[in-house]
Protein backbone atom coordinates (compact mmCIF):
# COMPACT_ATOMS: atom_id res chain seq x y z
CA UNK A 1 144.96 90.50 63.02
CA UNK A 2 145.52 92.27 66.78
CA UNK A 3 147.26 89.92 69.29
CA UNK A 4 150.71 88.21 69.37
CA UNK A 5 151.51 85.60 66.41
CA UNK A 6 153.82 83.03 69.27
CA UNK A 7 156.66 81.72 66.90
CA UNK A 8 159.74 80.16 67.77
CA UNK A 9 162.07 82.70 68.87
CA UNK A 10 165.40 83.96 65.74
CA UNK A 11 167.89 83.35 68.65
CA UNK A 12 171.06 84.99 69.12
CA UNK A 13 173.45 81.96 69.04
CA UNK A 14 171.40 79.34 68.86
CA UNK A 15 172.49 76.34 70.70
CA UNK A 16 170.64 73.06 72.20
CA UNK A 17 172.06 70.43 74.32
CA UNK A 18 170.89 67.13 75.32
CA UNK A 19 170.90 66.08 79.05
CA UNK A 20 171.10 63.09 80.72
CA UNK A 21 172.19 63.52 84.23
CA UNK A 22 172.95 66.02 86.49
CA UNK A 23 176.85 66.17 86.01
CA UNK A 24 175.92 66.94 81.74
CA UNK A 25 173.57 69.66 82.99
CA UNK A 26 175.72 71.48 84.87
CA UNK A 27 179.18 71.21 82.63
CA UNK A 28 176.66 72.57 79.99
CA UNK A 29 176.15 75.85 82.02
CA UNK A 30 179.02 76.02 83.40
CA UNK A 31 180.42 75.78 79.96
CA UNK A 32 177.76 78.79 78.34
CA UNK A 33 179.85 82.50 78.85
CA UNK A 34 177.98 84.94 80.70
CA UNK A 35 179.20 87.86 78.99
CA UNK A 36 177.69 90.88 80.81
CA UNK A 37 174.03 89.24 80.64
CA UNK A 38 172.73 87.78 83.69
CA UNK A 39 170.90 84.55 82.69
CA UNK A 40 167.44 82.90 83.98
CA UNK A 41 165.98 79.48 84.11
CA UNK A 42 162.25 78.18 83.39
CA UNK A 43 161.96 73.83 83.42
CA UNK A 44 159.14 72.32 81.53
CA UNK A 45 158.42 68.76 81.77
CA UNK A 46 157.43 68.89 78.29
CA UNK A 47 158.73 70.45 75.29
CA UNK A 48 157.06 73.37 73.60
CA UNK A 49 156.75 74.96 70.70
CA UNK A 50 156.06 78.70 71.81
CA UNK A 51 156.95 80.47 75.28
CA UNK A 52 154.33 82.41 76.16
CA UNK A 53 152.53 83.23 79.73
CA UNK A 54 149.17 81.25 80.01
CA UNK A 55 147.03 84.40 78.90
CA UNK A 56 147.81 84.79 75.80
CA UNK A 57 148.27 81.30 75.12
CA UNK A 58 144.06 81.22 74.17
CA UNK A 59 142.22 84.05 72.76
CA UNK A 60 139.00 83.76 75.14
CA UNK A 61 142.12 84.48 78.18
CA UNK A 62 143.48 87.06 76.08
CA UNK A 63 141.14 88.72 75.72
CA UNK A 64 139.00 88.77 79.14
CA UNK A 65 142.28 89.18 80.48
CA UNK A 66 140.76 92.31 83.09
CA UNK A 67 137.44 90.12 83.82
CA UNK A 68 140.03 87.74 84.96
CA UNK A 69 141.54 89.57 87.55
CA UNK A 70 138.05 91.74 88.94
CA UNK A 71 136.10 88.47 89.40
CA UNK A 72 139.22 86.58 91.30
CA UNK A 73 139.72 90.01 93.40
CA UNK A 74 136.27 90.02 93.73
CA UNK A 75 135.58 86.46 95.07
CA UNK A 76 138.81 86.47 97.37
CA UNK A 77 139.01 89.79 98.30
CA UNK A 78 140.70 88.92 101.87
CA UNK A 79 143.09 86.38 99.89
CA UNK A 80 144.95 90.13 98.65
CA UNK A 81 144.68 91.84 101.41
CA UNK A 82 148.37 92.38 102.33
CA UNK A 83 149.77 92.76 98.06
CA UNK A 84 149.73 96.13 97.56
CA UNK A 85 149.99 96.57 93.86
CA UNK A 86 148.66 94.85 90.73
CA UNK A 87 151.94 93.28 90.58
CA UNK A 88 152.15 91.80 93.65
CA UNK A 89 148.02 91.03 92.98
CA UNK A 90 149.41 88.57 89.39
CA UNK A 91 152.14 86.87 91.18
CA UNK A 92 149.14 85.16 93.63
CA UNK A 93 147.04 84.54 91.42
CA UNK A 94 149.51 82.91 88.94
CA UNK A 95 150.79 81.15 91.88
CA UNK A 96 146.88 79.82 92.18
CA UNK A 97 146.74 78.69 88.72
CA UNK A 98 144.91 82.49 87.13
CA UNK A 99 146.03 82.98 84.00
CA UNK A 100 148.25 85.97 84.15
CA UNK A 101 150.78 87.95 81.48
CA UNK A 102 153.58 86.14 83.73
CA UNK A 103 155.73 83.32 83.28
CA UNK A 104 157.35 81.66 86.01
CA UNK A 105 162.18 81.43 85.96
CA UNK A 106 164.16 80.75 88.12
CA UNK A 107 168.06 82.28 88.73
CA UNK A 108 168.85 78.34 89.82
CA UNK A 109 169.24 76.18 86.93
CA UNK A 110 169.06 73.06 89.60
CA UNK A 111 165.24 74.83 90.14
CA UNK A 112 164.59 74.57 86.40
CA UNK A 113 166.20 70.83 85.74
CA UNK A 114 163.80 69.49 88.42
CA UNK A 115 161.42 70.82 86.75
CA UNK A 116 161.82 69.77 83.97
CA UNK A 117 162.26 65.95 85.23
CA UNK A 118 159.39 65.73 87.31
CA UNK A 119 156.25 64.69 85.27
CA UNK A 120 155.35 63.12 81.97
CA UNK A 121 158.19 60.16 82.88
CA UNK A 122 157.38 59.23 78.67
CA UNK A 123 158.31 63.22 77.90
CA UNK A 124 161.30 64.92 76.80
CA UNK A 125 161.69 67.99 78.97
CA UNK A 126 163.40 70.94 78.50
CA UNK A 127 165.07 73.44 80.62
CA UNK A 128 165.78 77.16 78.85
CA UNK A 129 167.86 79.40 79.68
CA UNK A 130 167.45 83.17 79.34
CA UNK A 131 170.08 86.09 78.75
CA UNK A 132 168.99 89.73 80.00
CA UNK A 133 170.54 92.38 80.13
CA UNK A 134 171.12 94.47 84.09
CA UNK A 135 168.33 97.09 82.01
CA UNK A 136 165.99 94.70 81.87
CA UNK A 137 166.13 92.89 84.63
CA UNK A 138 164.27 95.23 87.52
CA UNK A 139 162.50 94.75 91.28
CA UNK A 140 158.78 94.85 92.17
CA UNK A 141 158.76 98.00 93.29
CA UNK A 142 159.98 99.16 89.13
CA UNK A 143 157.92 102.20 87.28
CA UNK A 144 158.12 100.02 84.32
CA UNK A 145 157.12 96.89 86.17
CA UNK A 146 153.62 98.53 87.75
CA UNK A 147 153.03 99.91 83.61
CA UNK A 148 153.25 96.38 82.55
CA UNK A 149 151.80 94.77 85.04
CA UNK A 150 148.48 97.05 85.17
CA UNK A 151 147.88 96.60 81.32
CA UNK A 152 146.04 93.53 82.62
CA UNK A 153 143.30 96.23 84.14
CA UNK A 154 142.95 97.77 80.34
CA UNK A 155 139.89 96.28 78.52
CA UNK A 156 140.48 94.33 75.55
CA UNK A 157 139.36 97.56 73.11
CA UNK A 158 141.85 99.85 75.90
CA UNK A 159 144.50 97.10 74.84
CA UNK A 160 144.28 97.51 71.35
CA UNK A 161 143.92 101.33 71.01
CA UNK A 162 147.67 101.71 72.76
CA UNK A 163 150.38 102.47 69.58
CA UNK A 164 153.68 101.95 70.42
CA UNK A 165 154.82 103.67 67.50
CA UNK A 166 153.44 107.14 68.16
CA UNK A 167 155.39 109.59 69.69
CA UNK A 168 155.41 110.06 73.24
CA UNK A 169 153.26 113.08 73.65
CA UNK A 170 150.99 111.77 71.23
CA UNK A 171 150.91 108.23 72.50
CA UNK A 172 150.43 109.59 76.42
CA UNK A 173 146.95 111.33 75.00
CA UNK A 174 145.27 108.20 74.13
CA UNK A 175 142.34 107.59 76.89
CA UNK A 176 143.27 104.41 77.18
CA UNK A 177 147.03 105.57 78.31
CA UNK A 178 144.65 107.55 80.64
CA UNK A 179 143.38 105.01 82.29
CA UNK A 180 146.20 103.28 82.57
CA UNK A 181 148.29 106.24 84.44
CA UNK A 182 145.05 106.09 86.47
CA UNK A 183 145.40 102.51 87.59
CA UNK A 184 149.25 102.81 88.21
CA UNK A 185 148.93 106.20 90.01
CA UNK A 186 146.35 104.16 92.64
CA UNK A 187 149.97 102.48 93.63
CA UNK A 188 152.21 105.22 92.99
CA UNK A 189 150.59 108.74 93.48
CA UNK A 190 154.41 110.05 92.37
CA UNK A 191 154.33 108.37 89.28
CA UNK A 192 155.09 111.27 86.66
CA UNK A 193 152.43 111.20 84.00
CA UNK A 194 154.62 109.90 81.40
CA UNK A 195 154.81 106.68 80.10
CA UNK A 196 157.52 105.32 77.60
CA UNK A 197 155.63 103.72 74.39
CA UNK A 198 158.88 100.99 74.50
CA UNK A 199 157.54 99.73 78.12
CA UNK A 200 154.06 98.78 76.51
CA UNK A 201 155.94 96.23 73.61
CA UNK A 202 158.38 94.50 75.62
CA UNK A 203 159.76 91.99 78.38
CA UNK A 204 161.44 92.32 81.59
CA UNK A 205 162.87 90.32 84.39
CA UNK A 206 161.03 91.11 87.97
CA UNK A 207 162.51 89.70 90.72
CA UNK A 208 160.69 87.88 93.05
CA UNK A 209 159.77 88.99 96.53
CA UNK A 210 160.83 87.23 99.60
CA UNK A 211 157.99 87.12 100.80
CA UNK A 212 156.47 83.60 100.38
CA UNK A 213 158.59 80.24 101.03
CA UNK A 214 157.83 79.03 97.43
CA UNK A 215 159.87 82.18 95.94
CA UNK A 216 161.96 81.48 98.31
CA UNK A 217 162.64 77.99 98.14
CA UNK A 218 162.81 77.94 94.46
CA UNK A 219 165.04 81.37 93.50
CA UNK A 220 161.47 82.69 91.57
CA UNK A 221 161.52 85.15 89.50
CA UNK A 222 158.57 86.24 86.63
CA UNK A 223 158.82 87.23 83.06
CA UNK A 224 155.88 89.55 82.78
CA UNK A 225 155.36 90.54 79.10
CA UNK A 226 153.84 93.51 77.79
CA UNK A 227 151.13 94.17 74.89
CA UNK A 228 151.48 92.91 71.56
CA UNK A 229 155.83 91.67 71.50
CA UNK A 230 156.53 88.72 70.65
CA UNK A 231 159.09 86.97 72.44
CA UNK A 232 162.06 87.11 70.20
CA UNK A 233 162.49 90.86 70.73
CA UNK A 234 163.30 93.15 73.93
CA UNK A 235 161.99 97.24 74.53
CA UNK A 236 165.05 98.04 72.77
CA UNK A 237 164.96 95.87 69.61
CA UNK A 238 167.83 93.22 70.37
CA UNK A 239 166.78 89.43 70.30
CA UNK A 240 166.26 88.26 73.60
CA UNK A 241 169.09 85.89 73.57
CA UNK A 242 167.63 81.84 74.84
CA UNK A 243 169.51 78.42 74.73
CA UNK A 244 167.91 75.10 75.44
CA UNK A 245 168.91 71.92 77.32
CA UNK A 246 166.71 68.77 75.99
CA UNK A 247 166.06 66.44 78.50
CA UNK A 248 165.86 62.80 77.87
CA UNK A 249 162.75 60.95 78.94
CA UNK A 250 164.13 58.07 79.97
CA UNK A 251 166.94 60.25 81.60
CA UNK A 252 164.49 61.64 83.78
CA UNK A 253 164.09 59.55 86.99
CA UNK A 254 168.11 59.26 87.42
CA UNK A 255 168.30 62.69 87.51
CA UNK A 256 165.28 63.10 90.17
CA UNK A 257 167.72 60.93 92.17
CA UNK A 258 171.33 62.46 91.83
CA UNK A 259 169.37 66.13 92.52
CA UNK A 260 167.73 64.28 95.67
CA UNK A 261 171.57 63.56 96.93
CA UNK A 262 171.56 67.71 96.10
CA UNK A 263 168.50 68.40 98.41
CA UNK A 264 166.61 69.36 95.67
CA UNK A 265 163.44 67.66 95.74
CA UNK A 266 159.88 67.64 96.73
CA UNK A 267 160.21 68.68 99.93
CA UNK A 268 162.82 71.53 99.28
CA UNK A 269 161.21 72.85 96.39
CA UNK A 270 157.92 72.80 97.81
CA UNK A 271 157.69 74.11 101.45
CA UNK A 272 155.36 72.68 102.31
CA UNK A 273 153.94 69.63 105.16
CA UNK A 274 151.89 68.10 102.60
CA UNK A 275 154.99 68.62 100.33
CA UNK A 276 157.30 66.79 103.03
CA UNK A 277 155.00 64.02 104.25
CA UNK A 278 154.90 62.89 100.17
CA UNK A 279 157.88 63.16 99.86
CA UNK A 280 158.82 61.11 103.02
CA UNK A 281 156.00 58.65 102.22
CA UNK A 282 157.32 58.45 98.75
CA UNK A 283 161.05 57.53 100.55
């Protein structure tokens, strides 16, 4: 069966902590050793069994990824006029709710705690801590990011034809890879016509481009998923290290009050006139 079989990750040093306050969360985060990796965080207000970008959560979205991308672009071309790369367009599409191969994360653990506590008051939330080595953390202009982002512009059959187990020369001779190169060179004319097959089946961190007030406020970044990759395996064959912090449902209200004392609230997390008005009204 083609596709991604999302299962619970095989964790390196599997750990979880139960959190009932900002203090217990900060203590747990600071206790975890860094050991040469860079931590990123993702907060969800309820616990999900799998960690996957939205476009991979349903077959109809995964199979229609190219159509989703092109249809939104055709319907609102003016909204993307300042976006020079496919990754830029995916970030904007993600922001407006279209299923993409991006997953929102943050470098600020308190942002993860806010999102884990901000809704579903009767359900436990979760903050996931991901640890990446520098080789898998890139800026938006990365060549590898261009390769992986432009997978979204291939048809489902073209993506099925990608076989990263092939030798580099054989892989780059595939018609689907030639089409992928065509898309990449539209934004990077200098791009060497040779793609590393391992990059097709990988997960990487993209630092947020500082041209969006929300990304700036949230210390935002993204996980960018390749094709046919199980979550626990990185491009180098290493396990992706992950730790979870369980946010107790009955502690969410207290945590939000404590975060507000630290100036982490709807007004600062969502910097807009509407958010500020709603925050002031709730106060």
